[in-house]
mmCIF file of all heavy atoms, coordinates in Angstrom:
data_MODEL
# 
_entry.id   MODEL 
# 
loop_
_atom_site.group_PDB 
_atom_site.id 
_atom_site.type_symbol 
_atom_site.label_atom_id 
_atom_site.label_alt_id 
_atom_site.label_comp_id 
_atom_site.label_asym_id 
_atom_site.label_entity_id 
_atom_site.label_seq_id 
_atom_site.pdbx_PDB_ins_code 
_atom_site.Cartn_x 
_atom_site.Cartn_y 
_atom_site.Cartn_z 
_atom_site.occupancy 
_atom_site.B_iso_or_equiv 
_atom_site.pdbx_formal_charge 
_atom_site.auth_seq_id 
_atom_site.auth_comp_id 
_atom_site.auth_asym_id 
_atom_site.auth_atom_id 
_atom_site.pdbx_PDB_model_num 
ATOM 1   N N   . ALA A 1 1  ? 9.086  112.505 -55.742 1.00 0.00 ? 1  ALA A N   1 
ATOM 2   C CA  . ALA A 1 1  ? 7.965  112.047 -56.571 1.00 0.00 ? 1  ALA A CA  1 
ATOM 3   C C   . ALA A 1 1  ? 8.455  111.303 -57.804 1.00 0.00 ? 1  ALA A C   1 
ATOM 4   O O   . ALA A 1 1  ? 7.853  110.318 -58.242 1.00 0.00 ? 1  ALA A O   1 
ATOM 5   C CB  . ALA A 1 1  ? 7.099  113.248 -56.983 1.00 0.00 ? 1  ALA A CB  1 
ATOM 6   N N   . ARG A 1 2  ? 9.573  111.760 -58.386 1.00 0.00 ? 2  ARG A N   1 
ATOM 7   C CA  . ARG A 1 2  ? 10.152 111.059 -59.534 1.00 0.00 ? 2  ARG A CA  1 
ATOM 8   C C   . ARG A 1 2  ? 10.524 109.633 -59.152 1.00 0.00 ? 2  ARG A C   1 
ATOM 9   O O   . ARG A 1 2  ? 10.246 108.681 -59.876 1.00 0.00 ? 2  ARG A O   1 
ATOM 10  C CB  . ARG A 1 2  ? 11.404 111.790 -60.008 1.00 0.00 ? 2  ARG A CB  1 
ATOM 11  C CG  . ARG A 1 2  ? 11.174 113.178 -60.523 1.00 0.00 ? 2  ARG A CG  1 
ATOM 12  C CD  . ARG A 1 2  ? 12.499 113.862 -60.750 1.00 0.00 ? 2  ARG A CD  1 
ATOM 13  N NE  . ARG A 1 2  ? 12.328 115.226 -61.222 1.00 0.00 ? 2  ARG A NE  1 
ATOM 14  C CZ  . ARG A 1 2  ? 13.317 116.075 -61.387 1.00 0.00 ? 2  ARG A CZ  1 
ATOM 15  N NH1 . ARG A 1 2  ? 14.545 115.696 -61.111 1.00 0.00 ? 2  ARG A NH1 1 
ATOM 16  N NH2 . ARG A 1 2  ? 13.092 117.292 -61.819 1.00 0.00 ? 2  ARG A NH2 1 
ATOM 17  N N   . GLY A 1 3  ? 11.214 109.507 -58.031 1.00 0.00 ? 3  GLY A N   1 
ATOM 18  C CA  . GLY A 1 3  ? 11.621 108.180 -57.590 1.00 0.00 ? 3  GLY A CA  1 
ATOM 19  C C   . GLY A 1 3  ? 10.436 107.285 -57.315 1.00 0.00 ? 3  GLY A C   1 
ATOM 20  O O   . GLY A 1 3  ? 10.444 106.095 -57.648 1.00 0.00 ? 3  GLY A O   1 
ATOM 21  N N   . LEU A 1 4  ? 9.379  107.856 -56.718 1.00 0.00 ? 4  LEU A N   1 
ATOM 22  C CA  . LEU A 1 4  ? 8.179  107.069 -56.414 1.00 0.00 ? 4  LEU A CA  1 
ATOM 23  C C   . LEU A 1 4  ? 7.512  106.592 -57.697 1.00 0.00 ? 4  LEU A C   1 
ATOM 24  O O   . LEU A 1 4  ? 7.073  105.437 -57.785 1.00 0.00 ? 4  LEU A O   1 
ATOM 25  C CB  . LEU A 1 4  ? 7.205  107.917 -55.591 1.00 0.00 ? 4  LEU A CB  1 
ATOM 26  C CG  . LEU A 1 4  ? 5.878  107.233 -55.213 1.00 0.00 ? 4  LEU A CG  1 
ATOM 27  C CD1 . LEU A 1 4  ? 6.144  106.002 -54.357 1.00 0.00 ? 4  LEU A CD1 1 
ATOM 28  C CD2 . LEU A 1 4  ? 4.967  108.214 -54.479 1.00 0.00 ? 4  LEU A CD2 1 
ATOM 29  N N   . LEU A 1 5  ? 7.440  107.464 -58.712 1.00 0.00 ? 5  LEU A N   1 
ATOM 30  C CA  . LEU A 1 5  ? 6.829  107.082 -59.987 1.00 0.00 ? 5  LEU A CA  1 
ATOM 31  C C   . LEU A 1 5  ? 7.571  105.924 -60.631 1.00 0.00 ? 5  LEU A C   1 
ATOM 32  O O   . LEU A 1 5  ? 6.962  104.948 -61.094 1.00 0.00 ? 5  LEU A O   1 
ATOM 33  C CB  . LEU A 1 5  ? 6.810  108.282 -60.933 1.00 0.00 ? 5  LEU A CB  1 
ATOM 34  C CG  . LEU A 1 5  ? 6.270  108.043 -62.348 1.00 0.00 ? 5  LEU A CG  1 
ATOM 35  C CD1 . LEU A 1 5  ? 4.828  107.565 -62.298 1.00 0.00 ? 5  LEU A CD1 1 
ATOM 36  C CD2 . LEU A 1 5  ? 6.382  109.315 -63.184 1.00 0.00 ? 5  LEU A CD2 1 
ATOM 37  N N   . ALA A 1 6  ? 8.907  106.017 -60.647 1.00 0.00 ? 6  ALA A N   1 
ATOM 38  C CA  . ALA A 1 6  ? 9.696  104.928 -61.230 1.00 0.00 ? 6  ALA A CA  1 
ATOM 39  C C   . ALA A 1 6  ? 9.552  103.648 -60.420 1.00 0.00 ? 6  ALA A C   1 
ATOM 40  O O   . ALA A 1 6  ? 9.474  102.549 -60.971 1.00 0.00 ? 6  ALA A O   1 
ATOM 41  C CB  . ALA A 1 6  ? 11.168 105.338 -61.312 1.00 0.00 ? 6  ALA A CB  1 
ATOM 42  N N   . ALA A 1 7  ? 9.531  103.775 -59.105 1.00 0.00 ? 7  ALA A N   1 
ATOM 43  C CA  . ALA A 1 7  ? 9.409  102.597 -58.246 1.00 0.00 ? 7  ALA A CA  1 
ATOM 44  C C   . ALA A 1 7  ? 8.083  101.882 -58.481 1.00 0.00 ? 7  ALA A C   1 
ATOM 45  O O   . ALA A 1 7  ? 8.025  100.648 -58.567 1.00 0.00 ? 7  ALA A O   1 
ATOM 46  C CB  . ALA A 1 7  ? 9.534  103.011 -56.776 1.00 0.00 ? 7  ALA A CB  1 
ATOM 47  N N   . VAL A 1 8  ? 7.000  102.665 -58.599 1.00 0.00 ? 8  VAL A N   1 
ATOM 48  C CA  . VAL A 1 8  ? 5.687  102.060 -58.851 1.00 0.00 ? 8  VAL A CA  1 
ATOM 49  C C   . VAL A 1 8  ? 5.671  101.367 -60.211 1.00 0.00 ? 8  VAL A C   1 
ATOM 50  O O   . VAL A 1 8  ? 5.167  100.241 -60.342 1.00 0.00 ? 8  VAL A O   1 
ATOM 51  C CB  . VAL A 1 8  ? 4.589  103.139 -58.775 1.00 0.00 ? 8  VAL A CB  1 
ATOM 52  C CG1 . VAL A 1 8  ? 3.251  102.576 -59.273 1.00 0.00 ? 8  VAL A CG1 1 
ATOM 53  C CG2 . VAL A 1 8  ? 4.436  103.643 -57.357 1.00 0.00 ? 8  VAL A CG2 1 
ATOM 54  N N   . ALA A 1 9  ? 6.248  102.029 -61.222 1.00 0.00 ? 9  ALA A N   1 
ATOM 55  C CA  . ALA A 1 9  ? 6.258  101.444 -62.573 1.00 0.00 ? 9  ALA A CA  1 
ATOM 56  C C   . ALA A 1 9  ? 7.031  100.139 -62.603 1.00 0.00 ? 9  ALA A C   1 
ATOM 57  O O   . ALA A 1 9  ? 6.589  99.139  -63.190 1.00 0.00 ? 9  ALA A O   1 
ATOM 58  C CB  . ALA A 1 9  ? 6.865  102.436 -63.562 1.00 0.00 ? 9  ALA A CB  1 
ATOM 59  N N   . ILE A 1 10 ? 8.193  100.119 -61.964 1.00 0.00 ? 10 ILE A N   1 
ATOM 60  C CA  . ILE A 1 10 ? 8.998  98.895  -61.930 1.00 0.00 ? 10 ILE A CA  1 
ATOM 61  C C   . ILE A 1 10 ? 8.307  97.824  -61.107 1.00 0.00 ? 10 ILE A C   1 
ATOM 62  O O   . ILE A 1 10 ? 8.313  96.635  -61.469 1.00 0.00 ? 10 ILE A O   1 
ATOM 63  C CB  . ILE A 1 10 ? 10.402 99.187  -61.349 1.00 0.00 ? 10 ILE A CB  1 
ATOM 64  C CG1 . ILE A 1 10 ? 11.264 99.878  -62.405 1.00 0.00 ? 10 ILE A CG1 1 
ATOM 65  C CG2 . ILE A 1 10 ? 11.082 97.914  -60.886 1.00 0.00 ? 10 ILE A CG2 1 
ATOM 66  C CD1 . ILE A 1 10 ? 11.670 98.984  -63.565 1.00 0.00 ? 10 ILE A CD1 1 
ATOM 67  N N   . GLY A 1 11 ? 7.681  98.205  -59.991 1.00 0.00 ? 11 GLY A N   1 
ATOM 68  C CA  . GLY A 1 11 ? 6.969  97.230  -59.164 1.00 0.00 ? 11 GLY A CA  1 
ATOM 69  C C   . GLY A 1 11 ? 5.849  96.552  -59.933 1.00 0.00 ? 11 GLY A C   1 
ATOM 70  O O   . GLY A 1 11 ? 5.662  95.333  -59.856 1.00 0.00 ? 11 GLY A O   1 
ATOM 71  N N   . VAL A 1 12 ? 5.097  97.333  -60.710 1.00 0.00 ? 12 VAL A N   1 
ATOM 72  C CA  . VAL A 1 12 ? 4.026  96.771  -61.533 1.00 0.00 ? 12 VAL A CA  1 
ATOM 73  C C   . VAL A 1 12 ? 4.602  95.847  -62.601 1.00 0.00 ? 12 VAL A C   1 
ATOM 74  O O   . VAL A 1 12 ? 4.071  94.758  -62.861 1.00 0.00 ? 12 VAL A O   1 
ATOM 75  C CB  . VAL A 1 12 ? 3.199  97.900  -62.187 1.00 0.00 ? 12 VAL A CB  1 
ATOM 76  C CG1 . VAL A 1 12 ? 2.234  97.330  -63.216 1.00 0.00 ? 12 VAL A CG1 1 
ATOM 77  C CG2 . VAL A 1 12 ? 2.448  98.687  -61.132 1.00 0.00 ? 12 VAL A CG2 1 
ATOM 78  N N   . ALA A 1 13 ? 5.719  96.272  -63.222 1.00 0.00 ? 13 ALA A N   1 
ATOM 79  C CA  . ALA A 1 13 ? 6.330  95.449  -64.271 1.00 0.00 ? 13 ALA A CA  1 
ATOM 80  C C   . ALA A 1 13 ? 6.828  94.125  -63.711 1.00 0.00 ? 13 ALA A C   1 
ATOM 81  O O   . ALA A 1 13 ? 6.651  93.068  -64.327 1.00 0.00 ? 13 ALA A O   1 
ATOM 82  C CB  . ALA A 1 13 ? 7.485  96.208  -64.918 1.00 0.00 ? 13 ALA A CB  1 
ATOM 83  N N   . VAL A 1 14 ? 7.463  94.168  -62.537 1.00 0.00 ? 14 VAL A N   1 
ATOM 84  C CA  . VAL A 1 14 ? 7.971  92.933  -61.923 1.00 0.00 ? 14 VAL A CA  1 
ATOM 85  C C   . VAL A 1 14 ? 6.822  92.004  -61.569 1.00 0.00 ? 14 VAL A C   1 
ATOM 86  O O   . VAL A 1 14 ? 6.885  90.784  -61.782 1.00 0.00 ? 14 VAL A O   1 
ATOM 87  C CB  . VAL A 1 14 ? 8.811  93.263  -60.667 1.00 0.00 ? 14 VAL A CB  1 
ATOM 88  C CG1 . VAL A 1 14 ? 9.145  92.000  -59.886 1.00 0.00 ? 14 VAL A CG1 1 
ATOM 89  C CG2 . VAL A 1 14 ? 10.097 93.981  -61.064 1.00 0.00 ? 14 VAL A CG2 1 
ATOM 90  N N   . THR A 1 15 ? 5.740  92.559  -61.031 1.00 0.00 ? 15 THR A N   1 
ATOM 91  C CA  . THR A 1 15 ? 4.577  91.744  -60.687 1.00 0.00 ? 15 THR A CA  1 
ATOM 92  C C   . THR A 1 15 ? 3.961  91.116  -61.926 1.00 0.00 ? 15 THR A C   1 
ATOM 93  O O   . THR A 1 15 ? 3.617  89.928  -61.934 1.00 0.00 ? 15 THR A O   1 
ATOM 94  C CB  . THR A 1 15 ? 3.524  92.607  -59.969 1.00 0.00 ? 15 THR A CB  1 
ATOM 95  O OG1 . THR A 1 15 ? 4.112  93.199  -58.808 1.00 0.00 ? 15 THR A OG1 1 
ATOM 96  C CG2 . THR A 1 15 ? 2.332  91.757  -59.548 1.00 0.00 ? 15 THR A CG2 1 
ATOM 97  N N   . LEU A 1 16 ? 3.843  91.903  -62.991 1.00 0.00 ? 16 LEU A N   1 
ATOM 98  C CA  . LEU A 1 16 ? 3.291  91.380  -64.246 1.00 0.00 ? 16 LEU A CA  1 
ATOM 99  C C   . LEU A 1 16 ? 4.167  90.268  -64.803 1.00 0.00 ? 16 LEU A C   1 
ATOM 100 O O   . LEU A 1 16 ? 3.664  89.267  -65.323 1.00 0.00 ? 16 LEU A O   1 
ATOM 101 C CB  . LEU A 1 16 ? 3.168  92.511  -65.263 1.00 0.00 ? 16 LEU A CB  1 
ATOM 102 C CG  . LEU A 1 16 ? 2.567  92.154  -66.624 1.00 0.00 ? 16 LEU A CG  1 
ATOM 103 C CD1 . LEU A 1 16 ? 1.149  91.634  -66.458 1.00 0.00 ? 16 LEU A CD1 1 
ATOM 104 C CD2 . LEU A 1 16 ? 2.580  93.364  -67.551 1.00 0.00 ? 16 LEU A CD2 1 
ATOM 105 N N   . ALA A 1 17 ? 5.482  90.444  -64.690 1.00 0.00 ? 17 ALA A N   1 
ATOM 106 C CA  . ALA A 1 17 ? 6.394  89.423  -65.182 1.00 0.00 ? 17 ALA A CA  1 
ATOM 107 C C   . ALA A 1 17 ? 6.229  88.116  -64.427 1.00 0.00 ? 17 ALA A C   1 
ATOM 108 O O   . ALA A 1 17 ? 6.417  87.029  -64.976 1.00 0.00 ? 17 ALA A O   1 
ATOM 109 C CB  . ALA A 1 17 ? 7.836  89.909  -65.067 1.00 0.00 ? 17 ALA A CB  1 
ATOM 110 N N   . ALA A 1 18 ? 5.867  88.215  -63.136 1.00 0.00 ? 18 ALA A N   1 
ATOM 111 C CA  . ALA A 1 18 ? 5.741  87.013  -62.312 1.00 0.00 ? 18 ALA A CA  1 
ATOM 112 C C   . ALA A 1 18 ? 4.406  86.306  -62.498 1.00 0.00 ? 18 ALA A C   1 
ATOM 113 O O   . ALA A 1 18 ? 4.334  85.080  -62.462 1.00 0.00 ? 18 ALA A O   1 
ATOM 114 C CB  . ALA A 1 18 ? 5.932  87.383  -60.837 1.00 0.00 ? 18 ALA A CB  1 
ATOM 115 N N   . VAL A 1 19 ? 3.334  87.066  -62.705 1.00 0.00 ? 19 VAL A N   1 
ATOM 116 C CA  . VAL A 1 19 ? 2.006  86.443  -62.730 1.00 0.00 ? 19 VAL A CA  1 
ATOM 117 C C   . VAL A 1 19 ? 1.421  86.351  -64.141 1.00 0.00 ? 19 VAL A C   1 
ATOM 118 O O   . VAL A 1 19 ? 0.441  85.634  -64.349 1.00 0.00 ? 19 VAL A O   1 
ATOM 119 C CB  . VAL A 1 19 ? 1.022  87.239  -61.834 1.00 0.00 ? 19 VAL A CB  1 
ATOM 120 C CG1 . VAL A 1 19 ? 1.540  87.302  -60.414 1.00 0.00 ? 19 VAL A CG1 1 
ATOM 121 C CG2 . VAL A 1 19 ? 0.782  88.647  -62.373 1.00 0.00 ? 19 VAL A CG2 1 
ATOM 122 N N   . GLY A 1 20 ? 1.996  87.047  -65.106 1.00 0.00 ? 20 GLY A N   1 
ATOM 123 C CA  . GLY A 1 20 ? 1.486  87.023  -66.468 1.00 0.00 ? 20 GLY A CA  1 
ATOM 124 C C   . GLY A 1 20 ? 2.019  85.845  -67.251 1.00 0.00 ? 20 GLY A C   1 
ATOM 125 O O   . GLY A 1 20 ? 2.798  85.023  -66.765 1.00 0.00 ? 20 GLY A O   1 
ATOM 126 N N   . GLY A 1 21 ? 1.616  85.774  -68.504 1.00 0.00 ? 21 GLY A N   1 
ATOM 127 C CA  . GLY A 1 21 ? 2.113  84.734  -69.388 1.00 0.00 ? 21 GLY A CA  1 
ATOM 128 C C   . GLY A 1 21 ? 3.486  85.075  -69.913 1.00 0.00 ? 21 GLY A C   1 
ATOM 129 O O   . GLY A 1 21 ? 4.067  86.112  -69.566 1.00 0.00 ? 21 GLY A O   1 
ATOM 130 N N   . PRO A 1 22 ? 4.056  84.220  -70.770 1.00 0.00 ? 22 PRO A N   1 
ATOM 131 C CA  . PRO A 1 22 ? 5.404  84.451  -71.299 1.00 0.00 ? 22 PRO A CA  1 
ATOM 132 C C   . PRO A 1 22 ? 5.554  85.777  -72.038 1.00 0.00 ? 22 PRO A C   1 
ATOM 133 O O   . PRO A 1 22 ? 6.543  86.472  -71.871 1.00 0.00 ? 22 PRO A O   1 
ATOM 134 C CB  . PRO A 1 22 ? 5.604  83.252  -72.249 1.00 0.00 ? 22 PRO A CB  1 
ATOM 135 C CG  . PRO A 1 22 ? 4.677  82.200  -71.747 1.00 0.00 ? 22 PRO A CG  1 
ATOM 136 C CD  . PRO A 1 22 ? 3.488  82.929  -71.216 1.00 0.00 ? 22 PRO A CD  1 
ATOM 137 N N   . LEU A 1 23 ? 4.547  86.141  -72.862 1.00 0.00 ? 23 LEU A N   1 
ATOM 138 C CA  . LEU A 1 23 ? 4.642  87.389  -73.598 1.00 0.00 ? 23 LEU A CA  1 
ATOM 139 C C   . LEU A 1 23 ? 4.582  88.588  -72.655 1.00 0.00 ? 23 LEU A C   1 
ATOM 140 O O   . LEU A 1 23 ? 5.361  89.540  -72.785 1.00 0.00 ? 23 LEU A O   1 
ATOM 141 C CB  . LEU A 1 23 ? 3.511  87.488  -74.628 1.00 0.00 ? 23 LEU A CB  1 
ATOM 142 C CG  . LEU A 1 23 ? 3.481  88.777  -75.463 1.00 0.00 ? 23 LEU A CG  1 
ATOM 143 C CD1 . LEU A 1 23 ? 4.791  88.944  -76.226 1.00 0.00 ? 23 LEU A CD1 1 
ATOM 144 C CD2 . LEU A 1 23 ? 2.288  88.768  -76.410 1.00 0.00 ? 23 LEU A CD2 1 
ATOM 145 N N   . ALA A 1 24 ? 3.684  88.524  -71.681 1.00 0.00 ? 24 ALA A N   1 
ATOM 146 C CA  . ALA A 1 24 ? 3.581  89.610  -70.705 1.00 0.00 ? 24 ALA A CA  1 
ATOM 147 C C   . ALA A 1 24 ? 4.871  89.751  -69.915 1.00 0.00 ? 24 ALA A C   1 
ATOM 148 O O   . ALA A 1 24 ? 5.351  90.857  -69.656 1.00 0.00 ? 24 ALA A O   1 
ATOM 149 C CB  . ALA A 1 24 ? 2.405  89.348  -69.752 1.00 0.00 ? 24 ALA A CB  1 
# 
């Protein structure tokens, strides 16, 4: 469960970095 939580958090961050603006 720990690994899954970190994986989801990083996945969301990577997606935000790709589709968000420069600050995001």
